[in-house]
Amino acid sequence: MRQGEIWVNNTLAGVLTEGDNDYNFEYKKAYLEKEGAMQVSVTLPLQKEPFKSEQLFPFFDGLIPEGWLLDIAQKNWKINPRDRMGLLLTTCRDCIGNISIIEKV
């Protein structure tokens, strides 16, 4: 089971978990209680209940680099292109926008 901390504007917002057959995203309680908390995406609105999906959530999958940048990431870190969670955890520590994903060990 791999996990990634999801940071919004340098504040820990939630945790993305890859299970054996699914993915879960859950906002942290402290983040939900924070004044001015922003949702991670329109498809992941602020809520206490975890989100569940059989595939990596489209928002997170969309953060993974494409094209020549993806080729560089795959060659440098030897990541299978079908390992979307691995690519996300490796390449999205400092991605475009206000979202950062840090592998939880």
C-alpha atoms as a PDB file:
ATOM      1  CA  MET A   1       0.000   0.000   0.000  1.00  0.00           C
ATOM      2  CA  ARG A   2       1.433   3.327  -1.087  1.00  0.00           C
ATOM      3  CA  GLN A   3       0.329   6.708   0.155  1.00  0.00           C
ATOM      4  CA  GLY A   4       0.887  10.290  -0.847  1.00  0.00           C
ATOM      5  CA  GLU A   5       0.265  13.379   1.223  1.00  0.00           C
ATOM      6  CA  ILE A   6      -1.673  15.975  -0.737  1.00  0.00           C
ATOM      7  CA  TRP A   7      -0.599  19.535   0.049  1.00  0.00           C
ATOM      8  CA  VAL A   8      -2.553  22.629  -1.000  1.00  0.00           C
ATOM      9  CA  ASN A   9      -0.709  25.936  -0.730  1.00  0.00           C
ATOM     10  CA  ASN A  10       1.886  24.299   1.558  1.00  0.00           C
ATOM     11  CA  THR A  11      -0.802  22.964   3.928  1.00  0.00           C
ATOM     12  CA  LEU A  12      -1.446  19.245   4.360  1.00  0.00           C
ATOM     13  CA  ALA A  13      -4.935  18.719   2.950  1.00  0.00           C
ATOM     14  CA  GLY A  14      -5.322  14.961   2.774  1.00  0.00           C
ATOM     15  CA  VAL A  15      -3.916  11.565   1.937  1.00  0.00           C
ATOM     16  CA  LEU A  16      -4.192   9.552  -1.278  1.00  0.00           C
ATOM     17  CA  THR A  17      -3.913   5.794  -0.733  1.00  0.00           C
ATOM     18  CA  GLU A  18      -3.402   3.063  -3.301  1.00  0.00           C
ATOM     19  CA  GLY A  19      -4.947  -0.210  -2.123  1.00  0.00           C
ATOM     20  CA  ASP A  20      -4.794  -3.625  -3.769  1.00  0.00           C
ATOM     21  CA  ASN A  21      -7.785  -2.920  -6.013  1.00  0.00           C
ATOM     22  CA  ASP A  22      -8.713   0.710  -5.463  1.00  0.00           C
ATOM     23  CA  TYR A  23      -7.711   4.239  -4.531  1.00  0.00           C
ATOM     24  CA  ASN A  24      -8.915   6.375  -1.637  1.00  0.00           C
ATOM     25  CA  PHE A  25      -8.558  10.065  -1.000  1.00  0.00           C
ATOM     26  CA  GLU A  26      -9.470  11.534   2.362  1.00  0.00           C
ATOM     27  CA  TYR A  27      -9.199  15.090   3.609  1.00  0.00           C
ATOM     28  CA  LYS A  28      -7.521  15.576   6.982  1.00  0.00           C
ATOM     29  CA  LYS A  29      -9.887  16.660   9.757  1.00  0.00           C
ATOM     30  CA  ALA A  30      -7.659  19.616  10.673  1.00  0.00           C
ATOM     31  CA  TYR A  31      -7.727  20.804   7.055  1.00  0.00           C
ATOM     32  CA  LEU A  32     -11.525  20.597   6.854  1.00  0.00           C
ATOM     33  CA  GLU A  33     -11.770  22.694  10.027  1.00  0.00           C
ATOM     34  CA  LYS A  34      -9.344  25.313   8.717  1.00  0.00           C
ATOM     35  CA  GLU A  35     -10.928  28.603   7.732  1.00  0.00           C
ATOM     36  CA  GLY A  36     -10.579  29.174   4.007  1.00  0.00           C
ATOM     37  CA  ALA A  37      -9.783  25.544   3.199  1.00  0.00           C
ATOM     38  CA  MET A  38      -9.798  24.957  -0.561  1.00  0.00           C
ATOM     39  CA  GLN A  39     -10.952  21.802  -2.255  1.00  0.00           C
ATOM     40  CA  VAL A  40      -8.251  19.893  -4.107  1.00  0.00           C
ATOM     41  CA  SER A  41     -10.370  19.875  -7.251  1.00  0.00           C
ATOM     42  CA  VAL A  42     -13.953  20.387  -8.353  1.00  0.00           C
ATOM     43  CA  THR A  43     -14.321  16.604  -8.507  1.00  0.00           C
ATOM     44  CA  LEU A  44     -13.038  16.230  -4.915  1.00  0.00           C
ATOM     45  CA  PRO A  45     -15.112  18.715  -2.896  1.00  0.00           C
ATOM     46  CA  LEU A  46     -14.501  19.239   0.807  1.00  0.00           C
ATOM     47  CA  GLN A  47     -16.149  16.430   2.785  1.00  0.00           C
ATOM     48  CA  LYS A  48     -15.470  14.191   5.773  1.00  0.00           C
ATOM     49  CA  GLU A  49     -16.148  10.911   3.958  1.00  0.00           C
ATOM     50  CA  PRO A  50     -13.319   9.414   1.902  1.00  0.00           C
ATOM     51  CA  PHE A  51     -13.535   9.273  -1.872  1.00  0.00           C
ATOM     52  CA  LYS A  52     -13.110   5.826  -3.430  1.00  0.00           C
ATOM     53  CA  SER A  53     -12.293   4.811  -6.991  1.00  0.00           C
ATOM     54  CA  GLU A  54     -11.165   1.686  -8.840  1.00  0.00           C
ATOM     55  CA  GLN A  55      -8.771   3.852 -10.874  1.00  0.00           C
ATOM     56  CA  LEU A  56      -6.479   6.720  -9.967  1.00  0.00           C
ATOM     57  CA  PHE A  57      -8.684   9.796  -9.652  1.00  0.00           C
ATOM     58  CA  PRO A  58      -8.612  11.759 -12.950  1.00  0.00           C
ATOM     59  CA  PHE A  59      -7.466  14.943 -11.188  1.00  0.00           C
ATOM     60  CA  PHE A  60      -4.343  13.240  -9.804  1.00  0.00           C
ATOM     61  CA  ASP A  61      -3.692  11.359 -13.040  1.00  0.00           C
ATOM     62  CA  GLY A  62      -3.796  14.697 -14.860  1.00  0.00           C
ATOM     63  CA  LEU A  63      -0.902  16.003 -12.756  1.00  0.00           C
ATOM     64  CA  ILE A  64       1.486  13.357 -14.153  1.00  0.00           C
ATOM     65  CA  PRO A  65       3.800  14.747 -16.850  1.00  0.00           C
ATOM     66  CA  GLU A  66       3.250  13.814 -20.474  1.00  0.00           C
ATOM     67  CA  GLY A  67       5.317  13.527 -23.620  1.00  0.00           C
ATOM     68  CA  TRP A  68       9.061  14.071 -23.475  1.00  0.00           C
ATOM     69  CA  LEU A  69       8.950  14.984 -19.792  1.00  0.00           C
ATOM     70  CA  LEU A  70       7.256  11.660 -18.995  1.00  0.00           C
ATOM     71  CA  ASP A  71       9.909   9.862 -21.054  1.00  0.00           C
ATOM     72  CA  ILE A  72      12.649  11.513 -18.999  1.00  0.00           C
ATOM     73  CA  ALA A  73      10.950  10.570 -15.730  1.00  0.00           C
ATOM     74  CA  GLN A  74      10.497   6.962 -16.817  1.00  0.00           C
ATOM     75  CA  LYS A  75      14.116   6.615 -17.920  1.00  0.00           C
ATOM     76  CA  ASN A  76      15.680   8.407 -14.925  1.00  0.00           C
ATOM     77  CA  TRP A  77      13.631   6.655 -12.238  1.00  0.00           C
ATOM     78  CA  LYS A  78      12.946   3.444 -14.195  1.00  0.00           C
ATOM     79  CA  ILE A  79       9.209   3.623 -13.558  1.00  0.00           C
ATOM     80  CA  ASN A  80       6.767   1.541 -15.560  1.00  0.00           C
ATOM     81  CA  PRO A  81       4.488   3.920 -17.532  1.00  0.00           C
ATOM     82  CA  ARG A  82       1.472   1.937 -16.273  1.00  0.00           C
ATOM     83  CA  ASP A  83       2.438   2.589 -12.639  1.00  0.00           C
ATOM     84  CA  ARG A  84       0.444   5.800 -12.390  1.00  0.00           C
ATOM     85  CA  MET A  85       0.739   6.033  -8.596  1.00  0.00           C
ATOM     86  CA  GLY A  86       4.514   5.571  -8.832  1.00  0.00           C
ATOM     87  CA  LEU A  87       4.751   8.312 -11.441  1.00  0.00           C
ATOM     88  CA  LEU A  88       2.546  10.603  -9.371  1.00  0.00           C
ATOM     89  CA  LEU A  89       4.593  10.113  -6.198  1.00  0.00           C
ATOM     90  CA  THR A  90       7.883  10.563  -8.038  1.00  0.00           C
ATOM     91  CA  THR A  91       7.148  13.489 -10.324  1.00  0.00           C
ATOM     92  CA  CYS A  92       4.537  15.599  -8.524  1.00  0.00           C
ATOM     93  CA  ARG A  93       6.432  16.780  -5.469  1.00  0.00           C
ATOM     94  CA  ASP A  94       6.591  20.199  -7.088  1.00  0.00           C
ATOM     95  CA  CYS A  95       4.061  20.286  -9.908  1.00  0.00           C
ATOM     96  CA  ILE A  96       2.386  23.232 -11.594  1.00  0.00           C
ATOM     97  CA  GLY A  97      -0.193  25.038  -9.491  1.00  0.00           C
ATOM     98  CA  ASN A  98      -0.850  24.960  -5.770  1.00  0.00           C
ATOM     99  CA  ILE A  99      -0.805  21.143  -5.331  1.00  0.00           C
ATOM    100  CA  SER A 100       2.172  19.105  -4.137  1.00  0.00           C
ATOM    101  CA  ILE A 101       2.267  15.370  -3.521  1.00  0.00           C
ATOM    102  CA  ILE A 102       4.788  13.903  -1.123  1.00  0.00           C
ATOM    103  CA  GLU A 103       5.195  10.168  -0.696  1.00  0.00           C
ATOM    104  CA  LYS A 104       4.251   9.062   2.796  1.00  0.00           C
ATOM    105  CA  VAL A 105       6.709   6.510   4.142  1.00  0.00           C
END
